[in-house]
Amino acid sequence: MTQQRLSAATWKAEIVKMRGFGSPLPAADEASVIAYLAAHLGPSVPQPPPNTVVTAPPVTYTNAETSASASTASASTTNANGAQLYAQNCAACHGAAGAGVPGAFPPLVHDPVVTAANPAAHISAVLKGVHGKAIGGKSYSSPMPPFAQLSDNDIAAIINHERTSWGNHAPTVTPAQIKSAR
């Protein structure tokens, strides 16, 4: 199956959508980013089949976390939103299947940070972004922007999606852990 390359106009529309979700791309950089995306990310991002629901293992809370989590969205709602939030915020670079783009964006499938028992580095990467760090011994030309503008619930949902999708089987996180890492 041959996929179409996305046009500069399509990438511009995607950037407008990303700005609607709080993406901090400066207007002065927009033209060069669009040109780069059109040139280097030609194949369209594959979408999951319709009505696909990605689930994660149940979240186990300690007594201290139980009362804090009662005021947040339920774990199942958060997990269901993770796939959608990932598609909106992450898939343009890392791909719908978490495979990344060689030389530009790292894969999330079986990534040691994503699959680590301790999620601290994963949380930090999403909150603060990553630039200039070798990942799995490879360098990537594109920096990952910070996503601190997203809510604790949304970041937890995205991270849980990444930690439990594509064959990854890592412990999930709570919004309280995201809040603590800010």
C-alpha atoms as a PDB file:
ATOM      1  CA  MET A   1       0.000   0.000   0.000  1.00  0.00           C
ATOM      2  CA  THR A   2       1.451   3.375  -1.021  1.00  0.00           C
ATOM      3  CA  GLN A   3       0.756   6.322   1.251  1.00  0.00           C
ATOM      4  CA  GLN A   4       0.434   9.899   0.045  1.00  0.00           C
ATOM      5  CA  ARG A   5       2.847  12.553   1.194  1.00  0.00           C
ATOM      6  CA  LEU A   6       1.192  15.285   3.213  1.00  0.00           C
ATOM      7  CA  SER A   7       1.242  18.675   1.549  1.00  0.00           C
ATOM      8  CA  ALA A   8       2.530  21.858   3.145  1.00  0.00           C
ATOM      9  CA  ALA A   9      -1.092  23.064   3.338  1.00  0.00           C
ATOM     10  CA  THR A  10      -2.068  19.926   5.267  1.00  0.00           C
ATOM     11  CA  TRP A  11       0.861  20.394   7.679  1.00  0.00           C
ATOM     12  CA  LYS A  12      -0.141  24.056   8.145  1.00  0.00           C
ATOM     13  CA  ALA A  13      -3.661  22.906   9.097  1.00  0.00           C
ATOM     14  CA  GLU A  14      -2.130  20.428  11.575  1.00  0.00           C
ATOM     15  CA  ILE A  15      -0.046  23.198  13.148  1.00  0.00           C
ATOM     16  CA  VAL A  16      -3.181  25.338  13.514  1.00  0.00           C
ATOM     17  CA  LYS A  17      -4.832  22.407  15.329  1.00  0.00           C
ATOM     18  CA  MET A  18      -1.752  21.950  17.536  1.00  0.00           C
ATOM     19  CA  ARG A  19      -1.875  25.646  18.488  1.00  0.00           C
ATOM     20  CA  GLY A  20      -5.494  25.080  19.520  1.00  0.00           C
ATOM     21  CA  PHE A  21      -4.180  22.511  22.020  1.00  0.00           C
ATOM     22  CA  GLY A  22      -1.583  24.963  23.358  1.00  0.00           C
ATOM     23  CA  SER A  23       1.470  24.092  21.233  1.00  0.00           C
ATOM     24  CA  PRO A  24       4.102  26.819  21.793  1.00  0.00           C
ATOM     25  CA  LEU A  25       5.438  27.026  18.197  1.00  0.00           C
ATOM     26  CA  PRO A  26       6.555  30.633  17.544  1.00  0.00           C
ATOM     27  CA  ALA A  27       4.944  32.169  14.454  1.00  0.00           C
ATOM     28  CA  ALA A  28       8.407  33.113  13.157  1.00  0.00           C
ATOM     29  CA  ASP A  29       9.338  29.402  12.958  1.00  0.00           C
ATOM     30  CA  GLU A  30       6.121  28.212  11.331  1.00  0.00           C
ATOM     31  CA  ALA A  31       7.242  28.358   7.672  1.00  0.00           C
ATOM     32  CA  SER A  32      10.458  26.414   8.281  1.00  0.00           C
ATOM     33  CA  VAL A  33       8.674  23.805  10.408  1.00  0.00           C
ATOM     34  CA  ILE A  34       6.017  23.306   7.710  1.00  0.00           C
ATOM     35  CA  ALA A  35       8.701  22.936   5.025  1.00  0.00           C
ATOM     36  CA  TYR A  36      10.574  20.403   7.168  1.00  0.00           C
ATOM     37  CA  LEU A  37       7.459  18.369   7.908  1.00  0.00           C
ATOM     38  CA  ALA A  38       6.367  18.322   4.275  1.00  0.00           C
ATOM     39  CA  ALA A  39       9.851  17.237   3.180  1.00  0.00           C
ATOM     40  CA  HIS A  40      10.694  14.687   5.882  1.00  0.00           C
ATOM     41  CA  LEU A  41       7.402  13.312   7.158  1.00  0.00           C
ATOM     42  CA  GLY A  42       5.804  12.532   3.870  1.00  0.00           C
ATOM     43  CA  PRO A  43       3.760   9.430   4.673  1.00  0.00           C
ATOM     44  CA  SER A  44       0.532  10.269   6.395  1.00  0.00           C
ATOM     45  CA  VAL A  45       0.229   9.156   9.993  1.00  0.00           C
ATOM     46  CA  PRO A  46      -1.746   5.898  10.013  1.00  0.00           C
ATOM     47  CA  GLN A  47      -4.899   6.055  12.100  1.00  0.00           C
ATOM     48  CA  PRO A  48      -6.054   3.256  14.365  1.00  0.00           C
ATOM     49  CA  PRO A  49      -9.048   1.276  13.114  1.00  0.00           C
ATOM     50  CA  PRO A  50     -12.422   2.879  13.949  1.00  0.00           C
ATOM     51  CA  ASN A  51     -13.854   2.149  17.397  1.00  0.00           C
ATOM     52  CA  THR A  52     -10.462   0.950  18.694  1.00  0.00           C
ATOM     53  CA  VAL A  53     -10.200   1.288  22.444  1.00  0.00           C
ATOM     54  CA  VAL A  54      -6.783   1.006  24.021  1.00  0.00           C
ATOM     55  CA  THR A  55      -6.886  -0.187  27.591  1.00  0.00           C
ATOM     56  CA  ALA A  56      -4.243  -0.268  30.261  1.00  0.00           C
ATOM     57  CA  PRO A  57      -3.926  -2.477  33.307  1.00  0.00           C
ATOM     58  CA  PRO A  58      -5.924  -1.200  36.274  1.00  0.00           C
ATOM     59  CA  VAL A  59      -4.230   1.477  38.328  1.00  0.00           C
ATOM     60  CA  THR A  60      -3.578   0.454  41.925  1.00  0.00           C
ATOM     61  CA  TYR A  61      -3.647   3.340  44.399  1.00  0.00           C
ATOM     62  CA  THR A  62      -2.141   3.447  47.860  1.00  0.00           C
ATOM     63  CA  ASN A  63      -4.258   4.897  50.675  1.00  0.00           C
ATOM     64  CA  ALA A  64      -2.567   8.285  50.280  1.00  0.00           C
ATOM     65  CA  GLU A  65      -3.436   8.404  46.583  1.00  0.00           C
ATOM     66  CA  THR A  66      -7.028   7.182  46.970  1.00  0.00           C
ATOM     67  CA  SER A  67      -8.442  10.446  48.244  1.00  0.00           C
ATOM     68  CA  ALA A  68      -6.489  12.499  45.696  1.00  0.00           C
ATOM     69  CA  SER A  69      -7.652  10.328  42.825  1.00  0.00           C
ATOM     70  CA  ALA A  70     -11.302  10.543  43.859  1.00  0.00           C
ATOM     71  CA  SER A  71     -11.439  14.131  42.595  1.00  0.00           C
ATOM     72  CA  THR A  72      -9.841  13.271  39.235  1.00  0.00           C
ATOM     73  CA  ALA A  73     -11.320  11.481  36.264  1.00  0.00           C
ATOM     74  CA  SER A  74     -11.737   7.757  36.706  1.00  0.00           C
ATOM     75  CA  ALA A  75      -8.839   5.549  35.622  1.00  0.00           C
ATOM     76  CA  SER A  76     -10.870   3.993  32.823  1.00  0.00           C
ATOM     77  CA  THR A  77     -11.856   7.404  31.440  1.00  0.00           C
ATOM     78  CA  THR A  78      -8.240   8.566  31.626  1.00  0.00           C
ATOM     79  CA  ASN A  79      -7.019   5.432  29.825  1.00  0.00           C
ATOM     80  CA  ALA A  80      -9.667   5.737  27.120  1.00  0.00           C
ATOM     81  CA  ASN A  81      -8.654   9.366  26.572  1.00  0.00           C
ATOM     82  CA  GLY A  82      -4.969   8.429  26.359  1.00  0.00           C
ATOM     83  CA  ALA A  83      -5.199   7.116  22.803  1.00  0.00           C
ATOM     84  CA  GLN A  84      -7.075  10.210  21.643  1.00  0.00           C
ATOM     85  CA  LEU A  85      -4.714  12.597  23.440  1.00  0.00           C
ATOM     86  CA  TYR A  86      -1.709  10.721  22.046  1.00  0.00           C
ATOM     87  CA  ALA A  87      -3.144  11.023  18.519  1.00  0.00           C
ATOM     88  CA  GLN A  88      -3.671  14.773  19.006  1.00  0.00           C
ATOM     89  CA  ASN A  89      -0.343  15.608  20.635  1.00  0.00           C
ATOM     90  CA  CYS A  90       2.238  12.919  19.850  1.00  0.00           C
ATOM     91  CA  ALA A  91       1.393  10.854  16.758  1.00  0.00           C
ATOM     92  CA  ALA A  92       2.507  13.515  14.265  1.00  0.00           C
ATOM     93  CA  CYS A  93       6.091  12.846  15.365  1.00  0.00           C
ATOM     94  CA  HIS A  94       6.152   9.406  17.011  1.00  0.00           C
ATOM     95  CA  GLY A  95       3.529   7.852  14.706  1.00  0.00           C
ATOM     96  CA  ALA A  96       0.200   6.258  15.557  1.00  0.00           C
ATOM     97  CA  ALA A  97       1.989   2.954  16.166  1.00  0.00           C
ATOM     98  CA  GLY A  98       4.783   4.535  18.250  1.00  0.00           C
ATOM     99  CA  ALA A  99       7.419   3.632  15.640  1.00  0.00           C
ATOM    100  CA  GLY A 100       8.918   7.131  15.319  1.00  0.00           C
ATOM    101  CA  VAL A 101      10.749   8.399  12.241  1.00  0.00           C
ATOM    102  CA  PRO A 102      14.359   7.226  11.757  1.00  0.00           C
ATOM    103  CA  GLY A 103      16.814  10.061  12.356  1.00  0.00           C
ATOM    104  CA  ALA A 104      14.079  12.547  13.285  1.00  0.00           C
ATOM    105  CA  PHE A 105      11.855  11.167  16.056  1.00  0.00           C
ATOM    106  CA  PRO A 106      12.604   8.171  18.311  1.00  0.00           C
ATOM    107  CA  PRO A 107      10.316   5.156  18.562  1.00  0.00           C
ATOM    108  CA  LEU A 108       8.349   4.654  21.773  1.00  0.00           C
ATOM    109  CA  VAL A 109       7.954   0.928  21.187  1.00  0.00           C
ATOM    110  CA  HIS A 110      10.164  -0.884  23.725  1.00  0.00           C
ATOM    111  CA  ASP A 111      11.983   2.379  24.542  1.00  0.00           C
ATOM    112  CA  PRO A 112      13.854   1.965  27.864  1.00  0.00           C
ATOM    113  CA  VAL A 113      12.500   5.246  29.263  1.00  0.00           C
ATOM    114  CA  VAL A 114       8.925   4.380  28.294  1.00  0.00           C
ATOM    115  CA  THR A 115       9.150   0.846  29.673  1.00  0.00           C
ATOM    116  CA  ALA A 116      11.133   1.618  32.849  1.00  0.00           C
ATOM    117  CA  ALA A 117       9.656   0.519  36.163  1.00  0.00           C
ATOM    118  CA  ASN A 118      10.354   4.021  37.510  1.00  0.00           C
ATOM    119  CA  PRO A 119       8.431   6.501  35.339  1.00  0.00           C
ATOM    120  CA  ALA A 120      10.343   9.623  36.493  1.00  0.00           C
ATOM    121  CA  ALA A 121      12.370  10.075  33.271  1.00  0.00           C
ATOM    122  CA  HIS A 122       9.273   9.461  31.125  1.00  0.00           C
ATOM    123  CA  ILE A 123       7.272  12.055  33.070  1.00  0.00           C
ATOM    124  CA  SER A 124      10.164  14.538  32.840  1.00  0.00           C
ATOM    125  CA  ALA A 125      10.473  14.054  29.076  1.00  0.00           C
ATOM    126  CA  VAL A 126       6.787  14.840  28.534  1.00  0.00           C
ATOM    127  CA  LEU A 127       6.731  17.793  30.959  1.00  0.00           C
ATOM    128  CA  LYS A 128      10.067  19.373  29.992  1.00  0.00           C
ATOM    129  CA  GLY A 129      10.798  18.059  26.511  1.00  0.00           C
ATOM    130  CA  VAL A 130      14.028  16.475  25.274  1.00  0.00           C
ATOM    131  CA  HIS A 131      16.777  17.878  23.072  1.00  0.00           C
ATOM    132  CA  GLY A 132      20.277  16.733  22.226  1.00  0.00           C
ATOM    133  CA  LYS A 133      20.096  13.487  24.178  1.00  0.00           C
ATOM    134  CA  ALA A 134      21.104  10.230  22.526  1.00  0.00           C
ATOM    135  CA  ILE A 135      18.282   7.700  22.792  1.00  0.00           C
ATOM    136  CA  GLY A 136      19.215   4.055  22.500  1.00  0.00           C
ATOM    137  CA  GLY A 137      22.641   5.155  21.268  1.00  0.00           C
ATOM    138  CA  LYS A 138      21.122   7.160  18.406  1.00  0.00           C
ATOM    139  CA  SER A 139      20.859  10.926  17.933  1.00  0.00           C
ATOM    140  CA  TYR A 140      17.668  12.499  16.648  1.00  0.00           C
ATOM    141  CA  SER A 141      17.616  15.797  14.786  1.00  0.00           C
ATOM    142  CA  SER A 142      14.258  17.010  16.071  1.00  0.00           C
ATOM    143  CA  PRO A 143      13.780  18.230  19.639  1.00  0.00           C
ATOM    144  CA  MET A 144      10.723  17.153  21.595  1.00  0.00           C
ATOM    145  CA  PRO A 145       8.870  20.198  22.932  1.00  0.00           C
ATOM    146  CA  PRO A 146       7.595  20.318  26.504  1.00  0.00           C
ATOM    147  CA  PHE A 147       3.933  19.523  27.044  1.00  0.00           C
ATOM    148  CA  ALA A 148       3.612  21.134  30.491  1.00  0.00           C
ATOM    149  CA  GLN A 149       0.632  23.136  29.218  1.00  0.00           C
ATOM    150  CA  LEU A 150      -1.474  19.952  29.346  1.00  0.00           C
ATOM    151  CA  SER A 151      -3.304  19.010  32.541  1.00  0.00           C
ATOM    152  CA  ASP A 152      -1.966  16.421  34.974  1.00  0.00           C
ATOM    153  CA  ASN A 153      -4.826  14.097  33.954  1.00  0.00           C
ATOM    154  CA  ASP A 154      -4.043  14.481  30.244  1.00  0.00           C
ATOM    155  CA  ILE A 155      -0.313  13.900  30.680  1.00  0.00           C
ATOM    156  CA  ALA A 156      -0.984  10.824  32.830  1.00  0.00           C
ATOM    157  CA  ALA A 157      -3.367   9.504  30.164  1.00  0.00           C
ATOM    158  CA  ILE A 158      -0.803  10.008  27.380  1.00  0.00           C
ATOM    159  CA  ILE A 159       2.018   8.433  29.387  1.00  0.00           C
ATOM    160  CA  ASN A 160      -0.185   5.479  30.349  1.00  0.00           C
ATOM    161  CA  HIS A 161      -1.112   4.985  26.702  1.00  0.00           C
ATOM    162  CA  GLU A 162       2.572   4.945  25.739  1.00  0.00           C
ATOM    163  CA  ARG A 163       3.543   2.627  28.624  1.00  0.00           C
ATOM    164  CA  THR A 164       0.826   0.052  27.797  1.00  0.00           C
ATOM    165  CA  SER A 165       0.592   0.134  23.976  1.00  0.00           C
ATOM    166  CA  TRP A 166       2.500  -1.503  21.109  1.00  0.00           C
ATOM    167  CA  GLY A 167       3.750  -4.341  23.303  1.00  0.00           C
ATOM    168  CA  ASN A 168       4.982  -2.054  26.098  1.00  0.00           C
ATOM    169  CA  HIS A 169       4.106  -3.361  29.567  1.00  0.00           C
ATOM    170  CA  ALA A 170       5.256  -0.725  32.070  1.00  0.00           C
ATOM    171  CA  PRO A 171       3.604   0.402  35.306  1.00  0.00           C
ATOM    172  CA  THR A 172       1.100   3.196  34.813  1.00  0.00           C
ATOM    173  CA  VAL A 173       1.241   6.643  36.425  1.00  0.00           C
ATOM    174  CA  THR A 174      -1.232   8.825  38.297  1.00  0.00           C
ATOM    175  CA  PRO A 175      -2.072  12.513  37.871  1.00  0.00           C
ATOM    176  CA  ALA A 176      -0.649  12.978  41.382  1.00  0.00           C
ATOM    177  CA  GLN A 177       2.760  11.789  40.113  1.00  0.00           C
ATOM    178  CA  ILE A 178       2.620  14.332  37.277  1.00  0.00           C
ATOM    179  CA  LYS A 179       1.677  17.120  39.679  1.00  0.00           C
ATOM    180  CA  SER A 180       4.552  16.159  41.982  1.00  0.00           C
ATOM    181  CA  ALA A 181       7.042  16.253  39.070  1.00  0.00           C
ATOM    182  CA  ARG A 182       6.076  19.764  37.907  1.00  0.00           C
END
